[in-house]
Structure formats: structure tokens, C-alpha cells
Amino acid sequence: MTTKQNNKNNNVNPFAIGRVVWQSFMTYWLNAYGEFLKNASTMTEQWYNIFWKPWVNWMPQQQERQNRD
């Protein structure tokens, strides 16, 4: 290796690399969070239909059975 090649390899700035890595992580995080917010209402509706709706429909039947007894 020549002296010029050594100088090229030694001119790496760790702060610049860290900044680039941090920017890419933040960009990925913001993109993922934005997609989550876009789909939040759909997810809420699906959870409602799966868990809450059957329970709400089941409760009046239980109350009617208790009132008969």
C-alpha cells in the first residue's frame, strides 16, 4: 500500500457515519409509524368485530336467562 491509500482509509469520520445511520433509523421508524397510523382505524374495527361484538351480543342472553330463573 502506498501512503496515499493509507490516508484515504484513515479519513473516516465516525460522527458522520453515526449521523447517517441515525438518520436512516429515524426515517425507517417514521415510515413504519406512519403506516401504523394509517391502519389504526382498520385494526380497531377488526378487534371490535372479533372480541367486543360477540361479547356484547352474548351479555343480553345471559341476563335473560338470569331473569327467567
N, C-alpha and C. Protein backbone atom coordinates (compact mmCIF):
# COMPACT_ATOMS: atom_id res chain seq x y z
N MET A 1 0.84 -1.19 0.00
CA MET A 1 0.00 0.00 0.00
C MET A 1 0.88 1.24 0.00
N THR A 2 0.39 2.21 -0.67
CA THR A 2 1.13 3.47 -0.69
C THR A 2 0.60 4.39 0.39
N THR A 3 1.28 5.49 0.58
CA THR A 3 0.88 6.45 1.60
C THR A 3 -0.46 7.08 1.26
N LYS A 4 -0.73 7.32 0.00
CA LYS A 4 -2.00 7.92 -0.39
C LYS A 4 -3.17 7.00 -0.07
N GLN A 5 -3.01 5.70 -0.26
CA GLN A 5 -4.08 4.77 0.06
C GLN A 5 -4.33 4.71 1.56
N ASN A 6 -3.30 4.78 2.35
CA ASN A 6 -3.46 4.79 3.81
C ASN A 6 -4.23 6.03 4.26
N ASN A 7 -3.93 7.18 3.67
CA ASN A 7 -4.61 8.40 4.04
C ASN A 7 -6.10 8.34 3.68
N LYS A 8 -6.43 7.72 2.56
CA LYS A 8 -7.83 7.59 2.18
C LYS A 8 -8.60 6.75 3.20
N ASN A 9 -8.01 5.69 3.68
CA ASN A 9 -8.67 4.81 4.65
C ASN A 9 -8.77 5.44 6.04
N ASN A 10 -7.85 6.32 6.37
CA ASN A 10 -7.84 6.91 7.71
C ASN A 10 -8.74 8.13 7.83
N ASN A 11 -9.31 8.62 6.74
CA ASN A 11 -10.12 9.82 6.77
C ASN A 11 -11.60 9.52 7.01
N VAL A 12 -11.90 8.48 7.72
CA VAL A 12 -13.29 8.13 8.01
C VAL A 12 -13.70 8.86 9.28
N ASN A 13 -14.78 9.59 9.19
CA ASN A 13 -15.28 10.34 10.34
C ASN A 13 -16.38 9.52 11.02
N PRO A 14 -16.16 9.03 12.23
CA PRO A 14 -17.17 8.19 12.89
C PRO A 14 -18.46 8.96 13.21
N PHE A 15 -18.36 10.25 13.43
CA PHE A 15 -19.55 11.03 13.73
C PHE A 15 -20.45 11.16 12.50
N ALA A 16 -19.83 11.30 11.34
CA ALA A 16 -20.61 11.38 10.10
C ALA A 16 -21.30 10.05 9.82
N ILE A 17 -20.61 8.96 10.06
CA ILE A 17 -21.21 7.64 9.86
C ILE A 17 -22.36 7.43 10.85
N GLY A 18 -22.15 7.80 12.09
CA GLY A 18 -23.20 7.68 13.09
C GLY A 18 -24.43 8.51 12.76
N ARG A 19 -24.20 9.70 12.23
CA ARG A 19 -25.31 10.57 11.84
C ARG A 19 -26.12 9.94 10.71
N VAL A 20 -25.42 9.38 9.74
CA VAL A 20 -26.10 8.74 8.61
C VAL A 20 -26.91 7.54 9.08
N VAL A 21 -26.33 6.75 9.95
CA VAL A 21 -27.04 5.59 10.48
C VAL A 21 -28.26 6.03 11.28
N TRP A 22 -28.10 7.04 12.13
CA TRP A 22 -29.21 7.56 12.93
C TRP A 22 -30.32 8.11 12.03
N GLN A 23 -29.97 8.82 10.99
CA GLN A 23 -30.97 9.36 10.06
C GLN A 23 -31.74 8.24 9.37
N SER A 24 -31.04 7.19 8.98
CA SER A 24 -31.74 6.10 8.30
C SER A 24 -32.66 5.37 9.28
N PHE A 25 -32.23 5.16 10.52
CA PHE A 25 -33.10 4.53 11.52
C PHE A 25 -34.33 5.38 11.78
N MET A 26 -34.15 6.67 11.91
CA MET A 26 -35.29 7.55 12.16
C MET A 26 -36.24 7.58 10.96
N THR A 27 -35.71 7.56 9.77
CA THR A 27 -36.55 7.54 8.58
C THR A 27 -37.38 6.26 8.54
N TYR A 28 -36.75 5.12 8.81
CA TYR A 28 -37.48 3.85 8.82
C TYR A 28 -38.54 3.86 9.91
N TRP A 29 -38.20 4.39 11.09
CA TRP A 29 -39.15 4.43 12.19
C TRP A 29 -40.35 5.31 11.85
N LEU A 30 -40.11 6.48 11.30
CA LEU A 30 -41.21 7.37 10.95
C LEU A 30 -42.09 6.78 9.85
N ASN A 31 -41.50 6.09 8.90
CA ASN A 31 -42.29 5.43 7.86
C ASN A 31 -43.16 4.33 8.46
N ALA A 32 -42.59 3.53 9.34
CA ALA A 32 -43.36 2.45 9.97
C ALA A 32 -44.47 3.02 10.84
N TYR A 33 -44.20 4.07 11.58
CA TYR A 33 -45.21 4.68 12.44
C TYR A 33 -46.32 5.30 11.60
N GLY A 34 -45.97 5.91 10.48
CA GLY A 34 -46.98 6.47 9.59
C GLY A 34 -47.90 5.40 9.03
N GLU A 35 -47.34 4.25 8.66
CA GLU A 35 -48.17 3.14 8.18
C GLU A 35 -49.06 2.61 9.29
N PHE A 36 -48.54 2.57 10.51
CA PHE A 36 -49.36 2.14 11.64
C PHE A 36 -50.55 3.08 11.83
N LEU A 37 -50.32 4.37 11.76
CA LEU A 37 -51.40 5.33 11.94
C LEU A 37 -52.44 5.22 10.82
N LYS A 38 -51.98 4.95 9.61
CA LYS A 38 -52.93 4.78 8.51
C LYS A 38 -53.85 3.58 8.74
N ASN A 39 -53.33 2.53 9.35
CA ASN A 39 -54.09 1.29 9.53
C ASN A 39 -54.73 1.16 10.90
N ALA A 40 -54.58 2.14 11.77
CA ALA A 40 -55.07 2.03 13.15
C ALA A 40 -56.59 1.89 13.19
N SER A 41 -57.32 2.64 12.40
CA SER A 41 -58.78 2.54 12.43
C SER A 41 -59.26 1.19 11.93
N THR A 42 -58.61 0.66 10.92
CA THR A 42 -58.98 -0.67 10.41
C THR A 42 -58.70 -1.74 11.45
N MET A 43 -57.56 -1.64 12.12
CA MET A 43 -57.23 -2.62 13.16
C MET A 43 -58.22 -2.54 14.30
N THR A 44 -58.61 -1.32 14.69
CA THR A 44 -59.57 -1.15 15.77
C THR A 44 -60.90 -1.77 15.41
N GLU A 45 -61.35 -1.56 14.20
CA GLU A 45 -62.62 -2.13 13.75
C GLU A 45 -62.56 -3.65 13.75
N GLN A 46 -61.45 -4.21 13.31
CA GLN A 46 -61.31 -5.66 13.30
C GLN A 46 -61.30 -6.24 14.71
N TRP A 47 -60.59 -5.60 15.64
CA TRP A 47 -60.60 -6.05 17.02
C TRP A 47 -62.00 -5.94 17.62
N TYR A 48 -62.71 -4.89 17.29
CA TYR A 48 -64.08 -4.72 17.78
C TYR A 48 -64.95 -5.86 17.29
N ASN A 49 -64.86 -6.18 16.00
CA ASN A 49 -65.69 -7.24 15.44
C ASN A 49 -65.33 -8.61 15.99
N ILE A 50 -64.06 -8.83 16.30
CA ILE A 50 -63.64 -10.15 16.79
C ILE A 50 -63.95 -10.33 18.27
N PHE A 51 -63.67 -9.34 19.10
CA PHE A 51 -63.74 -9.52 20.55
C PHE A 51 -64.94 -8.85 21.21
N TRP A 52 -65.21 -7.62 20.88
CA TRP A 52 -66.24 -6.86 21.61
C TRP A 52 -67.64 -7.23 21.15
N LYS A 53 -67.86 -7.33 19.85
CA LYS A 53 -69.18 -7.57 19.30
C LYS A 53 -69.79 -8.89 19.80
N PRO A 54 -69.08 -10.02 19.78
CA PRO A 54 -69.67 -11.25 20.31
C PRO A 54 -69.99 -11.16 21.80
N TRP A 55 -69.14 -10.46 22.55
CA TRP A 55 -69.38 -10.36 23.99
C TRP A 55 -70.62 -9.52 24.25
N VAL A 56 -70.79 -8.44 23.50
CA VAL A 56 -71.97 -7.59 23.68
C VAL A 56 -73.24 -8.35 23.31
N ASN A 57 -73.20 -9.14 22.28
CA ASN A 57 -74.35 -9.94 21.89
C ASN A 57 -74.63 -11.08 22.86
N TRP A 58 -73.62 -11.57 23.55
CA TRP A 58 -73.77 -12.67 24.48
C TRP A 58 -74.35 -12.20 25.82
N MET A 59 -74.03 -10.99 26.24
CA MET A 59 -74.47 -10.49 27.54
C MET A 59 -75.99 -10.41 27.68
N PRO A 60 -76.77 -9.89 26.71
CA PRO A 60 -78.22 -9.87 26.88
C PRO A 60 -78.81 -11.27 27.03
N GLN A 61 -78.25 -12.26 26.38
CA GLN A 61 -78.74 -13.63 26.52
C GLN A 61 -78.52 -14.13 27.94
N GLN A 62 -77.39 -13.80 28.52
CA GLN A 62 -77.11 -14.21 29.89
C GLN A 62 -78.07 -13.52 30.86
N GLN A 63 -78.37 -12.26 30.63
CA GLN A 63 -79.29 -11.54 31.51
C GLN A 63 -80.70 -12.09 31.39
N GLU A 64 -81.13 -12.47 30.19
CA GLU A 64 -82.45 -13.06 30.01
C GLU A 64 -82.55 -14.38 30.74
N ARG A 65 -81.52 -15.19 30.71
CA ARG A 65 -81.52 -16.48 31.42
C ARG A 65 -81.59 -16.26 32.91
N GLN A 66 -80.90 -15.26 33.43
CA GLN A 66 -80.94 -14.98 34.87
C GLN A 66 -82.33 -14.48 35.28
N ASN A 67 -82.97 -13.70 34.44
CA ASN A 67 -84.30 -13.17 34.75
C ASN A 67 -85.34 -14.29 34.72
N ARG A 68 -85.19 -15.31 33.90
CA ARG A 68 -86.13 -16.42 33.83
C ARG A 68 -86.05 -17.27 35.10
N ASP A 69 -84.83 -17.41 35.62
CA ASP A 69 -84.65 -18.29 36.80
C ASP A 69 -85.12 -17.65 38.03
